[in-house]
Amino acid sequence: MSAAQDPPTLESRLNLECHFTWGLDSRRSCLIRSRYMLEDIGTEEGNLWLGHIYNLQGFIWYQLGDKEEARRFLSKATEAFRQLKNMYQGPWLVVNFGNLAWLHHLLGEDKQSQDYLSKVDALLREHPSPSQDELHPEICAEKAWTLTMFDKDKKHAADYFQKAVEMQPDTVHWRTSRVIGRVNAHKHSDKDLDQDIWKEMREARERDPDNTYLAALELLIRAKRGDQVKDEAHKLEEKILLNPVSSYSGISVLLNVYRQLSDIDQAIDLAERVLRNHPTNRYPKRCAALCYKWRILSFRDSRPNPSKGMMERAISLQEQVIALYPDRCSLRKRIDLANICAKTSGDPPRAYQIYQELLTLDLEPADMQLVYNSYAKYLNFERREPNKSITYHMKTAEIPLKSYYRQNSIRELKRIRKRGKNWRCGEIQKFLETLQEDQPE
């Protein structure tokens, strides 16, 4: 038999569409962050993304080294898809079976791997894509949803959702997710949304009127435009409180609406209400801690200074959240805790101690940039050590990784150089000249 007639190898057959072949970011910090995000979505009955949640959790647990958890979650995904669709087989199982084929192969269980590969082949024969040159819409949708967890600009996710919607236009939650992804991609931009996104969001609201996350997102965008949306926010607040507590409920977005409306006290009241209703759930604690951070670290002169009781509550919540989100997911919260402690009259030394501990950690470059940039600001504004602050802005910029924190430190260095009042301006000028800002990153 010639080489051209040889049967395909197991390795070649594993070149299929699933989480193990999508090139997802497998850095430990990214995996842990995504794991916590998935857990905070919730697994209440009727969640249309439940199968996808379990499927991605299975992949993440394998990458984190827990093979049994990976096996358990992929099995839960299979059952979730079948219950949701009320069918034993269907194209929505293609990615799940592909994951199971990969898992068994990686565990040295090639017989089981081949069984799942055969199931994938059978599903693709029975359910071909409506568009000959595209993946099946169920595969496009799952790939799109997965990429929302990993793709920073959300562009690839939006593209796959669009392909899925074009082939299967009546699936409402795909349309909604595409709109949410497109809007969230602009959340850090000062520019108004493009008219086509506005139009798509209005259409999605009409098709999916009970989606409180989408409703909150629309209010947030309108609040940023200067619209008076407080009454609508109060109405949506009551609706959200009736839903299961989840990051998909829109609670965090609504809190940001109140922040945009300069009503952080209302945001705190809402977060505390949710927390009273769900005292053992960690997500409301995370939301409440965030609101107190806003109140303390960004309070305006027109507001009274935070009371001692508020400061104690803020510190307590931050400590609880750090314990509930361990590993590097707590890094930002530890920085928040340090910055809050720096504002207290009785415990500034604790802030310095926290930063010293963070500086000794063996962190990935992106996390190190976060720590250096935050420490530089702390040194300048809280300890009044501008020269040492400059050193840490330089340390941030020296790490050749494109990020908000690197650009922020570079802008600060340029601002100091332009003012020309610091004795290190010459040094900063030489540093910026040698800094390869345009190098491939």
Protein backbone atom coordinates (compact mmCIF):
# COMPACT_ATOMS: atom_id res chain seq x y z
CA MET A 1 0.00 0.00 0.00
CA SER A 2 1.41 3.42 -0.98
CA ALA A 3 1.84 6.26 1.43
CA ALA A 4 -1.07 8.08 -0.23
CA GLN A 5 -3.33 5.17 0.63
CA ASP A 6 -2.26 4.86 4.27
CA PRO A 7 -5.13 5.36 6.70
CA PRO A 8 -5.02 8.67 8.57
CA THR A 9 -3.15 8.63 11.84
CA LEU A 10 -4.80 9.41 15.14
CA GLU A 11 -2.77 12.61 15.38
CA SER A 12 -3.99 13.84 11.99
CA ARG A 13 -7.60 13.05 12.90
CA LEU A 14 -7.24 15.14 16.06
CA ASN A 15 -6.83 18.25 13.90
CA LEU A 16 -10.42 19.26 14.55
CA GLU A 17 -12.40 22.16 16.02
CA CYS A 18 -12.23 22.15 19.82
CA HIS A 19 -10.64 24.00 22.72
CA PHE A 20 -7.40 22.01 22.43
CA THR A 21 -6.78 23.31 18.87
CA TRP A 22 -8.01 26.91 19.15
CA GLY A 23 -4.71 28.35 20.38
CA LEU A 24 -6.17 29.67 23.65
CA ASP A 25 -3.89 31.49 26.08
CA SER A 26 -2.65 28.77 28.43
CA ARG A 27 -0.66 30.94 30.83
CA ARG A 28 -1.55 29.88 34.34
CA SER A 29 -2.68 33.37 35.36
CA CYS A 30 -5.01 33.57 32.36
CA LEU A 31 -6.42 30.10 32.99
CA ILE A 32 -7.12 30.84 36.65
CA ARG A 33 -8.73 34.17 35.80
CA SER A 34 -10.97 32.45 33.25
CA ARG A 35 -11.84 29.69 35.71
CA TYR A 36 -13.10 32.21 38.25
CA MET A 37 -15.02 34.08 35.56
CA LEU A 38 -16.79 30.88 34.56
CA GLU A 39 -17.62 30.02 38.16
CA ASP A 40 -19.12 33.48 38.69
CA ILE A 41 -21.43 33.11 35.69
CA GLY A 42 -23.47 30.59 37.64
CA THR A 43 -24.98 27.28 36.65
CA GLU A 44 -28.67 27.91 37.23
CA GLU A 45 -31.18 25.87 35.27
CA GLY A 46 -31.98 27.33 31.87
CA ASN A 47 -28.59 28.97 31.32
CA LEU A 48 -28.23 28.68 27.55
CA TRP A 49 -24.43 28.67 27.81
CA LEU A 50 -24.20 25.98 30.46
CA GLY A 51 -22.76 23.33 28.14
CA HIS A 52 -20.19 25.79 26.86
CA ILE A 53 -19.26 26.76 30.43
CA TYR A 54 -18.61 23.15 31.44
CA ASN A 55 -16.80 22.44 28.17
CA LEU A 56 -14.36 25.31 28.70
CA GLN A 57 -13.93 24.41 32.37
CA GLY A 58 -12.91 20.91 31.34
CA PHE A 59 -10.20 22.29 29.06
CA ILE A 60 -8.99 24.73 31.75
CA TRP A 61 -8.79 22.06 34.44
CA TYR A 62 -6.70 19.86 32.16
CA GLN A 63 -4.32 22.75 31.44
CA LEU A 64 -4.07 23.37 35.19
CA GLY A 65 -3.06 19.75 35.71
CA ASP A 66 -6.23 18.25 37.22
CA LYS A 67 -7.14 15.42 34.84
CA GLU A 68 -10.05 14.09 36.87
CA GLU A 69 -11.72 17.50 37.11
CA ALA A 70 -11.23 17.87 33.37
CA ARG A 71 -12.93 14.53 32.76
CA ARG A 72 -15.77 15.41 35.14
CA PHE A 73 -16.53 18.78 33.56
CA LEU A 74 -16.43 17.47 30.00
CA SER A 75 -18.93 14.77 31.01
CA LYS A 76 -21.11 17.44 32.64
CA ALA A 77 -20.95 19.42 29.39
CA THR A 78 -22.23 16.42 27.42
CA GLU A 79 -25.19 16.03 29.76
CA ALA A 80 -25.90 19.77 29.84
CA PHE A 81 -26.07 19.97 26.05
CA ARG A 82 -28.38 16.99 25.87
CA GLN A 83 -30.74 18.33 28.54
CA LEU A 84 -30.81 21.82 27.06
CA LYS A 85 -31.52 20.60 23.53
CA ASN A 86 -33.70 17.72 24.73
CA MET A 87 -31.92 15.51 22.21
CA TYR A 88 -29.35 12.76 22.64
CA GLN A 89 -27.25 13.76 19.60
CA GLY A 90 -26.72 16.95 17.63
CA PRO A 91 -24.09 19.29 16.16
CA TRP A 92 -23.77 21.13 19.49
CA LEU A 93 -21.82 18.10 20.72
CA VAL A 94 -19.07 18.34 18.07
CA VAL A 95 -16.74 20.53 20.16
CA ASN A 96 -17.47 18.57 23.33
CA PHE A 97 -16.69 15.22 21.64
CA GLY A 98 -13.57 16.79 20.13
CA ASN A 99 -12.43 17.83 23.61
CA LEU A 100 -13.08 14.31 24.91
CA ALA A 101 -11.12 12.81 22.00
CA TRP A 102 -8.18 15.04 22.89
CA LEU A 103 -8.44 14.37 26.61
CA HIS A 104 -8.42 10.59 26.18
CA HIS A 105 -5.50 10.85 23.75
CA LEU A 106 -3.49 12.99 26.18
CA LEU A 107 -4.27 10.50 28.95
CA GLY A 108 -2.97 7.64 26.77
CA GLU A 109 -6.46 6.21 26.21
CA ASP A 110 -6.33 6.06 22.42
CA LYS A 111 -9.14 3.53 22.02
CA GLN A 112 -11.60 5.90 23.73
CA SER A 113 -10.10 8.79 21.75
CA GLN A 114 -10.82 7.02 18.46
CA ASP A 115 -14.38 6.31 19.60
CA TYR A 116 -15.02 10.02 20.11
CA LEU A 117 -13.37 10.89 16.81
CA SER A 118 -15.79 8.51 15.11
CA LYS A 119 -18.68 10.27 16.87
CA VAL A 120 -17.40 13.63 15.63
CA ASP A 121 -17.20 12.32 12.08
CA ALA A 122 -20.74 10.95 12.31
CA LEU A 123 -22.13 14.25 13.64
CA LEU A 124 -20.47 16.25 10.88
CA ARG A 125 -21.89 13.89 8.23
CA GLU A 126 -25.39 14.03 9.73
CA HIS A 127 -25.33 17.79 10.31
CA PRO A 128 -23.33 19.50 7.57
CA SER A 129 -22.88 23.26 7.71
CA PRO A 130 -25.47 25.30 5.76
CA SER A 131 -22.54 27.24 4.32
CA GLN A 132 -20.10 24.99 2.52
CA ASP A 133 -17.04 27.13 3.27
CA GLU A 134 -17.80 27.74 6.95
CA LEU A 135 -17.91 25.78 10.18
CA HIS A 136 -21.29 24.57 11.39
CA PRO A 137 -23.09 27.48 13.16
CA GLU A 138 -23.08 25.58 16.48
CA ILE A 139 -19.29 25.30 16.27
CA CYS A 140 -18.95 28.96 15.26
CA ALA A 141 -21.09 30.03 18.22
CA GLU A 142 -19.14 27.99 20.75
CA LYS A 143 -15.83 29.19 19.35
CA ALA A 144 -17.10 32.77 19.49
CA TRP A 145 -18.32 32.41 23.08
CA THR A 146 -14.99 30.87 24.12
CA LEU A 147 -13.00 33.65 22.49
CA THR A 148 -14.91 36.26 24.49
CA MET A 149 -13.01 34.91 27.51
CA PHE A 150 -9.59 35.18 25.85
CA ASP A 151 -9.75 37.73 23.01
CA LYS A 152 -9.02 41.22 24.39
CA ASP A 153 -10.45 43.21 21.50
CA LYS A 154 -13.35 40.74 20.99
CA LYS A 155 -12.99 41.11 17.20
CA HIS A 156 -12.50 37.42 16.45
CA ALA A 157 -15.35 36.50 18.77
CA ALA A 158 -17.67 38.99 17.04
CA ASP A 159 -16.67 37.62 13.63
CA TYR A 160 -17.51 34.04 14.60
CA PHE A 161 -20.82 35.11 16.17
CA GLN A 162 -21.65 36.93 12.95
CA LYS A 163 -20.98 33.80 10.90
CA ALA A 164 -23.16 31.74 13.23
CA VAL A 165 -26.01 34.29 13.09
CA GLU A 166 -25.87 34.52 9.30
CA MET A 167 -26.35 30.76 9.02
CA GLN A 168 -28.87 30.44 11.88
CA PRO A 169 -30.48 33.90 12.28
CA ASP A 170 -33.26 32.90 14.69
CA THR A 171 -30.95 32.03 17.60
CA VAL A 172 -31.53 35.08 19.78
CA HIS A 173 -28.82 34.56 22.40
CA TRP A 174 -26.15 34.39 19.70
CA ARG A 175 -27.20 37.81 18.43
CA THR A 176 -27.26 39.19 21.95
CA SER A 177 -23.79 37.85 22.73
CA ARG A 178 -22.39 39.33 19.54
CA VAL A 179 -23.75 42.77 20.48
CA ILE A 180 -22.46 42.51 24.05
CA GLY A 181 -19.02 41.59 22.76
CA ARG A 182 -18.93 44.50 20.30
CA VAL A 183 -20.06 47.00 22.94
CA ASN A 184 -17.62 45.70 25.57
CA ALA A 185 -14.78 46.08 23.07
CA HIS A 186 -15.44 49.83 23.20
CA LYS A 187 -15.86 50.17 26.97
CA HIS A 188 -12.44 51.78 27.49
CA SER A 189 -12.81 54.14 24.53
CA ASP A 190 -13.80 57.79 24.87
CA LYS A 191 -15.47 57.69 21.46
CA ASP A 192 -19.20 57.15 21.07
CA LEU A 193 -20.38 53.85 19.64
CA ASP A 194 -20.65 53.57 15.88
CA GLN A 195 -24.18 53.92 14.58
CA ASP A 196 -24.22 50.34 13.30
CA ILE A 197 -23.50 49.05 16.81
CA TRP A 198 -26.24 51.29 18.25
CA LYS A 199 -28.67 49.92 15.69
CA GLU A 200 -27.64 46.34 16.41
CA MET A 201 -28.01 46.90 20.16
CA ARG A 202 -31.54 48.31 19.77
CA GLU A 203 -32.52 45.34 17.61
CA ALA A 204 -31.04 42.94 20.17
CA ARG A 205 -33.00 44.65 22.97
CA GLU A 206 -36.21 44.15 21.00
CA ARG A 207 -35.44 40.48 20.33
CA ASP A 208 -34.19 39.76 23.86
CA PRO A 209 -36.16 42.11 26.15
CA ASP A 210 -35.61 40.06 29.33
CA ASN A 211 -31.81 40.10 29.10
CA THR A 212 -30.88 42.32 32.04
CA TYR A 213 -27.16 42.33 31.20
CA LEU A 214 -27.87 43.83 27.78
CA ALA A 215 -30.33 46.31 29.31
CA ALA A 216 -27.72 47.44 31.85
CA LEU A 217 -25.09 47.76 29.12
CA GLU A 218 -27.36 50.02 27.09
CA LEU A 219 -27.93 52.24 30.14
CA LEU A 220 -24.18 52.45 30.75
CA ILE A 221 -23.48 53.59 27.19
CA ARG A 222 -26.29 56.16 27.40
CA ALA A 223 -25.03 57.41 30.78
CA LYS A 224 -21.60 57.96 29.27
CA ARG A 225 -23.27 60.08 26.60
CA GLY A 226 -24.81 62.25 29.29
CA ASP A 227 -28.35 60.88 29.13
CA GLN A 228 -30.45 60.98 32.31
CA VAL A 229 -31.04 57.30 32.99
CA LYS A 230 -31.35 57.21 36.80
CA ASP A 231 -35.08 56.33 36.82
CA GLU A 232 -34.52 53.55 34.29
CA ALA A 233 -31.59 52.29 36.37
CA HIS A 234 -33.78 52.05 39.48
CA LYS A 235 -36.39 50.03 37.56
CA LEU A 236 -33.75 47.70 36.16
CA GLU A 237 -32.26 47.32 39.65
CA GLU A 238 -35.47 45.72 40.93
CA LYS A 239 -35.59 43.39 37.95
CA ILE A 240 -31.99 42.30 38.42
CA LEU A 241 -32.59 41.57 42.10
CA LEU A 242 -35.21 38.98 41.08
CA ASN A 243 -32.65 37.05 39.00
CA PRO A 244 -30.17 34.45 40.28
CA VAL A 245 -26.98 36.16 41.40
CA SER A 246 -24.52 35.90 38.55
CA SER A 247 -22.06 37.96 36.55
CA TYR A 248 -24.50 37.44 33.64
CA SER A 249 -27.30 39.22 35.53
CA GLY A 250 -25.88 42.65 34.75
CA ILE A 251 -25.35 43.67 38.38
CA SER A 252 -21.74 44.78 37.85
CA VAL A 253 -22.72 46.80 34.76
CA LEU A 254 -25.53 48.54 36.66
CA LEU A 255 -23.09 49.43 39.44
CA ASN A 256 -20.97 51.09 36.78
CA VAL A 257 -24.05 52.99 35.59
CA TYR A 258 -24.40 54.52 39.06
CA ARG A 259 -20.70 55.28 39.10
CA GLN A 260 -21.04 57.05 35.75
CA LEU A 261 -23.95 59.02 37.22
CA SER A 262 -21.67 60.05 40.15
CA ASP A 263 -23.93 58.16 42.55
CA ILE A 264 -21.48 55.71 44.10
CA ASP A 265 -23.44 55.69 47.34
CA GLN A 266 -26.38 54.23 45.39
CA ALA A 267 -24.03 51.63 43.94
CA ILE A 268 -22.91 50.69 47.46
CA ASP A 269 -26.52 50.41 48.63
CA LEU A 270 -27.36 48.10 45.71
CA ALA A 271 -24.26 45.94 46.24
CA GLU A 272 -25.06 45.61 49.95
CA ARG A 273 -28.67 44.61 49.14
CA VAL A 274 -27.46 41.84 46.84
CA LEU A 275 -24.96 40.73 49.46
CA ARG A 276 -27.64 40.57 52.17
CA ASN A 277 -29.77 38.40 49.88
CA HIS A 278 -26.82 36.12 49.04
CA PRO A 279 -24.42 36.28 52.02
CA THR A 280 -22.49 33.14 51.10
CA ASN A 281 -22.00 33.96 47.42
CA ARG A 282 -18.59 35.40 46.63
CA TYR A 283 -19.57 37.40 43.53
CA PRO A 284 -21.68 39.99 45.44
CA LYS A 285 -18.75 40.45 47.83
CA ARG A 286 -16.53 41.18 44.87
CA CYS A 287 -19.05 43.74 43.57
CA ALA A 288 -19.40 45.38 46.99
CA ALA A 289 -15.62 45.58 47.45
CA LEU A 290 -15.36 47.28 44.07
CA CYS A 291 -17.95 49.91 45.02
CA TYR A 292 -16.20 50.76 48.28
CA LYS A 293 -12.93 51.06 46.39
CA TRP A 294 -14.54 53.59 44.04
CA ARG A 295 -15.89 55.56 46.98
CA ILE A 296 -12.57 55.71 48.83
CA LEU A 297 -10.02 55.99 46.04
CA SER A 298 -11.92 58.34 43.77
CA PHE A 299 -14.04 60.46 46.11
CA ARG A 300 -14.49 64.08 45.14
CA ASP A 301 -14.05 67.18 47.26
CA SER A 302 -17.82 67.73 47.27
CA ARG A 303 -18.35 64.44 49.06
CA PRO A 304 -17.62 63.95 52.75
CA ASN A 305 -14.52 61.93 53.46
CA PRO A 306 -15.18 58.23 54.03
CA SER A 307 -16.03 57.48 57.64
CA LYS A 308 -13.98 55.14 59.80
CA GLY A 309 -16.77 52.56 59.54
CA MET A 310 -16.72 52.77 55.75
CA MET A 311 -12.95 52.32 55.67
CA GLU A 312 -13.19 49.29 57.93
CA ARG A 313 -15.94 47.81 55.78
CA ALA A 314 -13.90 48.38 52.62
CA ILE A 315 -10.82 46.70 54.10
CA SER A 316 -12.85 43.76 55.41
CA LEU A 317 -14.48 43.16 52.01
CA GLN A 318 -11.15 43.38 50.19
CA GLU A 319 -9.64 40.82 52.56
CA GLN A 320 -12.59 38.47 52.05
CA VAL A 321 -12.38 38.78 48.27
CA ILE A 322 -8.64 38.09 48.31
CA ALA A 323 -9.32 34.88 50.26
CA LEU A 324 -12.14 33.87 47.89
CA TYR A 325 -10.12 34.52 44.73
CA PRO A 326 -6.66 33.18 45.60
CA ASP A 327 -3.63 32.87 43.34
CA ARG A 328 -2.83 35.67 40.95
CA CYS A 329 -6.49 36.54 40.49
CA SER A 330 -6.21 38.38 43.81
CA LEU A 331 -3.33 40.54 42.61
CA ARG A 332 -5.47 43.55 41.71
CA LYS A 333 -7.41 43.19 44.96
CA ARG A 334 -4.19 43.15 46.97
CA ILE A 335 -3.17 46.36 45.22
CA ASP A 336 -6.61 47.82 45.97
CA LEU A 337 -6.22 46.82 49.61
CA ALA A 338 -2.82 48.52 49.78
CA ASN A 339 -4.20 51.71 48.25
CA ILE A 340 -7.17 51.74 50.64
CA CYS A 341 -4.89 51.21 53.63
CA ALA A 342 -2.77 54.11 52.40
CA LYS A 343 -5.83 56.36 52.77
CA THR A 344 -6.50 55.38 56.38
CA SER A 345 -5.16 57.51 59.18
CA GLY A 346 -4.08 54.55 61.25
CA ASP A 347 -2.55 52.01 58.90
CA PRO A 348 -0.39 53.51 56.09
CA PRO A 349 2.51 51.16 57.00
CA ARG A 350 0.36 48.19 55.98
CA ALA A 351 0.07 49.62 52.46
CA TYR A 352 3.86 49.76 52.14
CA GLN A 353 4.18 46.24 53.51
CA ILE A 354 1.69 44.87 50.97
CA TYR A 355 3.57 46.47 48.09
CA GLN A 356 6.89 45.10 49.36
CA GLU A 357 5.37 41.62 49.38
CA LEU A 358 4.02 42.05 45.84
CA LEU A 359 7.41 43.22 44.57
CA THR A 360 9.02 39.96 45.71
CA LEU A 361 6.59 37.72 43.82
CA ASP A 362 7.68 35.77 40.74
CA LEU A 363 5.11 37.22 38.35
CA GLU A 364 4.46 37.03 34.63
CA PRO A 365 5.47 40.18 32.68
CA ALA A 366 1.90 41.55 32.43
CA ASP A 367 1.36 41.17 36.17
CA MET A 368 4.75 42.71 36.91
CA GLN A 369 3.81 45.76 34.83
CA LEU A 370 0.63 46.11 36.88
CA VAL A 371 2.56 45.99 40.17
CA TYR A 372 5.33 48.37 39.06
CA ASN A 373 2.88 50.91 37.61
CA SER A 374 0.65 50.82 40.70
CA TYR A 375 3.63 51.09 43.04
CA ALA A 376 4.97 54.05 41.07
CA LYS A 377 1.70 55.93 41.59
CA TYR A 378 1.60 54.96 45.26
CA LEU A 379 5.15 56.27 45.76
CA ASN A 380 4.31 59.57 44.10
CA PHE A 381 0.91 60.35 45.58
CA GLU A 382 0.98 58.65 48.98
CA ARG A 383 4.64 58.61 50.05
CA ARG A 384 5.69 61.77 48.19
CA GLU A 385 8.74 60.05 46.69
CA PRO A 386 8.70 61.29 43.06
CA ASN A 387 12.22 60.17 42.20
CA LYS A 388 11.60 56.61 43.32
CA SER A 389 8.28 56.75 41.48
CA ILE A 390 10.14 57.59 38.26
CA THR A 391 12.32 54.51 38.73
CA TYR A 392 9.30 52.24 38.86
CA HIS A 393 7.63 53.90 35.89
CA MET A 394 10.85 53.09 34.02
CA LYS A 395 10.73 49.50 35.26
CA THR A 396 7.18 49.24 33.92
CA ALA A 397 8.14 50.64 30.52
CA GLU A 398 11.22 48.42 30.23
CA ILE A 399 9.07 45.30 30.07
CA PRO A 400 8.49 44.86 26.30
CA LEU A 401 4.83 43.91 26.51
CA LYS A 402 2.10 46.10 25.06
CA SER A 403 -0.36 47.00 27.79
CA TYR A 404 -2.30 49.85 29.36
CA TYR A 405 0.16 49.98 32.28
CA ARG A 406 3.23 50.30 30.05
CA GLN A 407 1.67 53.09 28.02
CA ASN A 408 0.49 54.81 31.20
CA SER A 409 4.00 54.82 32.63
CA ILE A 410 5.47 56.09 29.36
CA ARG A 411 2.95 58.94 29.29
CA GLU A 412 3.82 59.85 32.88
CA LEU A 413 7.53 59.89 32.09
CA LYS A 414 6.89 62.13 29.09
CA ARG A 415 4.79 64.46 31.24
CA ILE A 416 7.58 64.78 33.82
CA ARG A 417 10.15 65.41 31.11
CA LYS A 418 7.96 68.07 29.47
CA ARG A 419 7.51 69.98 32.74
CA GLY A 420 11.27 70.01 33.14
CA LYS A 421 11.26 70.53 36.91
CA ASN A 422 12.73 67.20 38.05
CA TRP A 423 16.49 66.77 38.24
CA ARG A 424 16.11 63.42 36.45
CA CYS A 425 14.64 64.97 33.28
CA GLY A 426 17.87 64.37 31.34
CA GLU A 427 17.92 60.75 32.41
CA ILE A 428 14.26 60.37 31.43
CA GLN A 429 15.00 61.88 28.00
CA LYS A 430 17.80 59.38 27.35
CA PHE A 431 15.62 56.53 28.63
CA LEU A 432 12.76 57.43 26.31
CA GLU A 433 15.14 57.77 23.35
CA THR A 434 16.49 54.27 23.88
CA LEU A 435 13.12 52.77 24.67
CA GLN A 436 11.98 50.74 21.70
CA GLU A 437 8.29 51.57 21.89
CA ASP A 438 7.65 50.31 18.36
CA GLN A 439 9.39 46.98 18.70
CA PRO A 440 7.30 43.87 17.98
CA GLU A 441 5.38 42.93 21.09
